[in-house]
Structure formats: C-alpha cells, structure tokens
PDB file of N, CA and C in Angstrom:
ATOM      1  N   MET A   1    -139.591-129.115 143.660  1.00  0.00           N
ATOM      2  CA  MET A   1    -139.194-129.310 145.045  1.00  0.00           C
ATOM      3  C   MET A   1    -140.100-128.215 145.784  1.00  0.00           C
ATOM      4  N   LYS A   2    -140.779-128.805 146.798  1.00  0.00           N
ATOM      5  CA  LYS A   2    -141.644-127.898 147.615  1.00  0.00           C
ATOM      6  C   LYS A   2    -140.745-127.508 148.662  1.00  0.00           C
ATOM      7  N   THR A   3    -141.013-126.318 149.361  1.00  0.00           N
ATOM      8  CA  THR A   3    -139.983-125.763 150.360  1.00  0.00           C
ATOM      9  C   THR A   3    -140.985-125.261 151.410  1.00  0.00           C
ATOM     10  N   VAL A   4    -140.754-125.500 152.782  1.00  0.00           N
ATOM     11  CA  VAL A   4    -141.220-124.890 153.988  1.00  0.00           C
ATOM     12  C   VAL A   4    -140.390-124.264 154.619  1.00  0.00           C
ATOM     13  N   LEU A   5    -140.682-122.927 155.044  1.00  0.00           N
ATOM     14  CA  LEU A   5    -139.564-122.080 155.902  1.00  0.00           C
ATOM     15  C   LEU A   5    -140.290-121.848 157.042  1.00  0.00           C
ATOM     16  N   VAL A   6    -139.394-122.001 158.082  1.00  0.00           N
ATOM     17  CA  VAL A   6    -139.994-121.932 159.619  1.00  0.00           C
ATOM     18  C   VAL A   6    -139.034-120.698 159.980  1.00  0.00           C
ATOM     19  N   ALA A   7    -139.630-119.425 160.194  1.00  0.00           N
ATOM     20  CA  ALA A   7    -138.588-118.308 160.345  1.00  0.00           C
ATOM     21  C   ALA A   7    -139.303-117.485 161.610  1.00  0.00           C
ATOM     22  N   ASN A   8    -138.579-116.855 162.343  1.00  0.00           N
ATOM     23  CA  ASN A   8    -138.906-115.868 163.389  1.00  0.00           C
ATOM     24  C   ASN A   8    -137.682-115.226 163.984  1.00  0.00           C
ATOM     25  N   PRO A   9    -137.637-113.836 163.703  1.00  0.00           N
ATOM     26  CA  PRO A   9    -136.429-113.262 164.155  1.00  0.00           C
ATOM     27  C   PRO A   9    -136.207-113.424 165.789  1.00  0.00           C
ATOM     28  N   LYS A  10    -137.251-113.622 166.445  1.00  0.00           N
ATOM     29  CA  LYS A  10    -137.002-113.725 167.926  1.00  0.00           C
ATOM     30  C   LYS A  10    -136.396-114.982 168.410  1.00  0.00           C
ATOM     31  N   GLY A  11    -135.296-114.933 169.051  1.00  0.00           N
ATOM     32  CA  GLY A  11    -134.723-116.409 169.532  1.00  0.00           C
ATOM     33  C   GLY A  11    -135.688-117.142 170.711  1.00  0.00           C
ATOM     34  N   GLY A  12    -135.531-118.472 170.643  1.00  0.00           N
ATOM     35  CA  GLY A  12    -136.255-119.094 171.701  1.00  0.00           C
ATOM     36  C   GLY A  12    -137.772-119.302 171.496  1.00  0.00           C
ATOM     37  N   SER A  13    -138.103-119.126 170.239  1.00  0.00           N
ATOM     38  CA  SER A  13    -139.521-119.217 169.849  1.00  0.00           C
ATOM     39  C   SER A  13    -139.965-120.624 169.466  1.00  0.00           C
ATOM     40  N   GLY A  14    -139.051-121.588 169.440  1.00  0.00           N
ATOM     41  CA  GLY A  14    -139.390-123.060 169.039  1.00  0.00           C
ATOM     42  C   GLY A  14    -139.160-123.384 167.707  1.00  0.00           C
ATOM     43  N   LYS A  15    -138.297-122.528 166.749  1.00  0.00           N
ATOM     44  CA  LYS A  15    -138.164-122.845 165.306  1.00  0.00           C
ATOM     45  C   LYS A  15    -137.590-124.234 165.104  1.00  0.00           C
ATOM     46  N   THR A  16    -136.582-124.561 165.974  1.00  0.00           N
ATOM     47  CA  THR A  16    -135.851-125.915 165.698  1.00  0.00           C
ATOM     48  C   THR A  16    -136.788-126.954 165.878  1.00  0.00           C
ATOM     49  N   THR A  17    -137.491-126.782 167.212  1.00  0.00           N
ATOM     50  CA  THR A  17    -138.608-127.944 167.545  1.00  0.00           C
ATOM     51  C   THR A  17    -139.618-128.068 166.407  1.00  0.00           C
ATOM     52  N   LEU A  18    -140.138-127.196 166.007  1.00  0.00           N
ATOM     53  CA  LEU A  18    -141.152-127.156 164.874  1.00  0.00           C
ATOM     54  C   LEU A  18    -140.627-127.764 163.693  1.00  0.00           C
ATOM     55  N   ALA A  19    -139.448-127.297 163.256  1.00  0.00           N
ATOM     56  CA  ALA A  19    -138.969-127.831 162.081  1.00  0.00           C
ATOM     57  C   ALA A  19    -138.585-129.251 162.015  1.00  0.00           C
ATOM     58  N   THR A  20    -138.133-129.720 163.261  1.00  0.00           N
ATOM     59  CA  THR A  20    -137.884-131.280 163.249  1.00  0.00           C
ATOM     60  C   THR A  20    -139.108-131.969 163.365  1.00  0.00           C
ATOM     61  N   ASN A  21    -140.056-131.466 164.171  1.00  0.00           N
ATOM     62  CA  ASN A  21    -141.393-132.071 164.231  1.00  0.00           C
ATOM     63  C   ASN A  21    -142.045-132.283 162.908  1.00  0.00           C
ATOM     64  N   LEU A  22    -141.891-131.007 162.112  1.00  0.00           N
ATOM     65  CA  LEU A  22    -142.551-131.189 160.755  1.00  0.00           C
ATOM     66  C   LEU A  22    -141.839-132.130 159.971  1.00  0.00           C
ATOM     67  N   ALA A  23    -140.329-132.201 159.961  1.00  0.00           N
ATOM     68  CA  ALA A  23    -139.663-133.125 159.323  1.00  0.00           C
ATOM     69  C   ALA A  23    -139.943-134.537 159.439  1.00  0.00           C
ATOM     70  N   GLY A  24    -140.029-134.724 160.784  1.00  0.00           N
ATOM     71  CA  GLY A  24    -140.434-136.119 161.178  1.00  0.00           C
ATOM     72  C   GLY A  24    -141.933-136.695 160.760  1.00  0.00           C
ATOM     73  N   TYR A  25    -142.791-135.744 160.735  1.00  0.00           N
ATOM     74  CA  TYR A  25    -144.214-135.908 160.238  1.00  0.00           C
ATOM     75  C   TYR A  25    -144.001-136.185 158.781  1.00  0.00           C
ATOM     76  N   PHE A  26    -143.454-135.301 157.960  1.00  0.00           N
ATOM     77  CA  PHE A  26    -143.356-135.506 156.504  1.00  0.00           C
ATOM     78  C   PHE A  26    -142.752-136.674 156.164  1.00  0.00           C
ATOM     79  N   ALA A  27    -141.587-137.072 156.810  1.00  0.00           N
ATOM     80  CA  ALA A  27    -140.983-138.317 156.542  1.00  0.00           C
ATOM     81  C   ALA A  27    -141.757-139.620 156.892  1.00  0.00           C
ATOM     82  N   SER A  28    -142.504-139.484 157.858  1.00  0.00           N
ATOM     83  CA  SER A  28    -143.505-140.611 158.301  1.00  0.00           C
ATOM     84  C   SER A  28    -144.585-140.873 157.220  1.00  0.00           C
ATOM     85  N   LEU A  29    -144.785-139.882 156.279  1.00  0.00           N
ATOM     86  CA  LEU A  29    -145.750-139.952 155.179  1.00  0.00           C
ATOM     87  C   LEU A  29    -144.998-140.194 153.870  1.00  0.00           C
ATOM     88  N   ASN A  30    -143.739-140.701 153.986  1.00  0.00           N
ATOM     89  CA  ASN A  30    -142.871-140.979 152.747  1.00  0.00           C
ATOM     90  C   ASN A  30    -142.605-139.964 152.054  1.00  0.00           C
ATOM     91  N   TYR A  31    -142.342-138.722 152.436  1.00  0.00           N
ATOM     92  CA  TYR A  31    -141.856-137.697 151.771  1.00  0.00           C
ATOM     93  C   TYR A  31    -140.366-137.654 152.025  1.00  0.00           C
ATOM     94  N   ARG A  32    -139.635-137.082 150.861  1.00  0.00           N
ATOM     95  CA  ARG A  32    -138.201-136.846 151.261  1.00  0.00           C
ATOM     96  C   ARG A  32    -137.900-135.654 151.936  1.00  0.00           C
ATOM     97  N   VAL A  33    -137.230-135.652 152.917  1.00  0.00           N
ATOM     98  CA  VAL A  33    -137.028-134.455 153.810  1.00  0.00           C
ATOM     99  C   VAL A  33    -135.524-134.253 153.949  1.00  0.00           C
ATOM    100  N   MET A  34    -135.261-133.022 153.910  1.00  0.00           N
ATOM    101  CA  MET A  34    -133.938-132.366 154.158  1.00  0.00           C
ATOM    102  C   MET A  34    -133.846-131.222 155.198  1.00  0.00           C
ATOM    103  N   LEU A  35    -133.254-131.197 156.064  1.00  0.00           N
ATOM    104  CA  LEU A  35    -133.058-129.971 157.024  1.00  0.00           C
ATOM    105  C   LEU A  35    -131.890-129.306 156.754  1.00  0.00           C
TER     106      LEU A  35
END
C-alpha cells in the first residue's frame, strides 16, 4: 500500500483541501483511495 501524507503544524494552510483534491485526482485515475 502506498501512502501520501499531507502535514503542516500551522492551521489554515489548506491541508484538507489539498488532501481531498489529491484523493479525487487519484480516484479519477482508478486508484483505490481512503481518507
């Protein structure tokens, strides 16, 4: 299983937005995605 970590200690830096956009992108390429 490959893992991608999106992390930053500062709040409000767009981590959730980036994670959901990456998940959507990989899902569109037929990868299995879990958040």
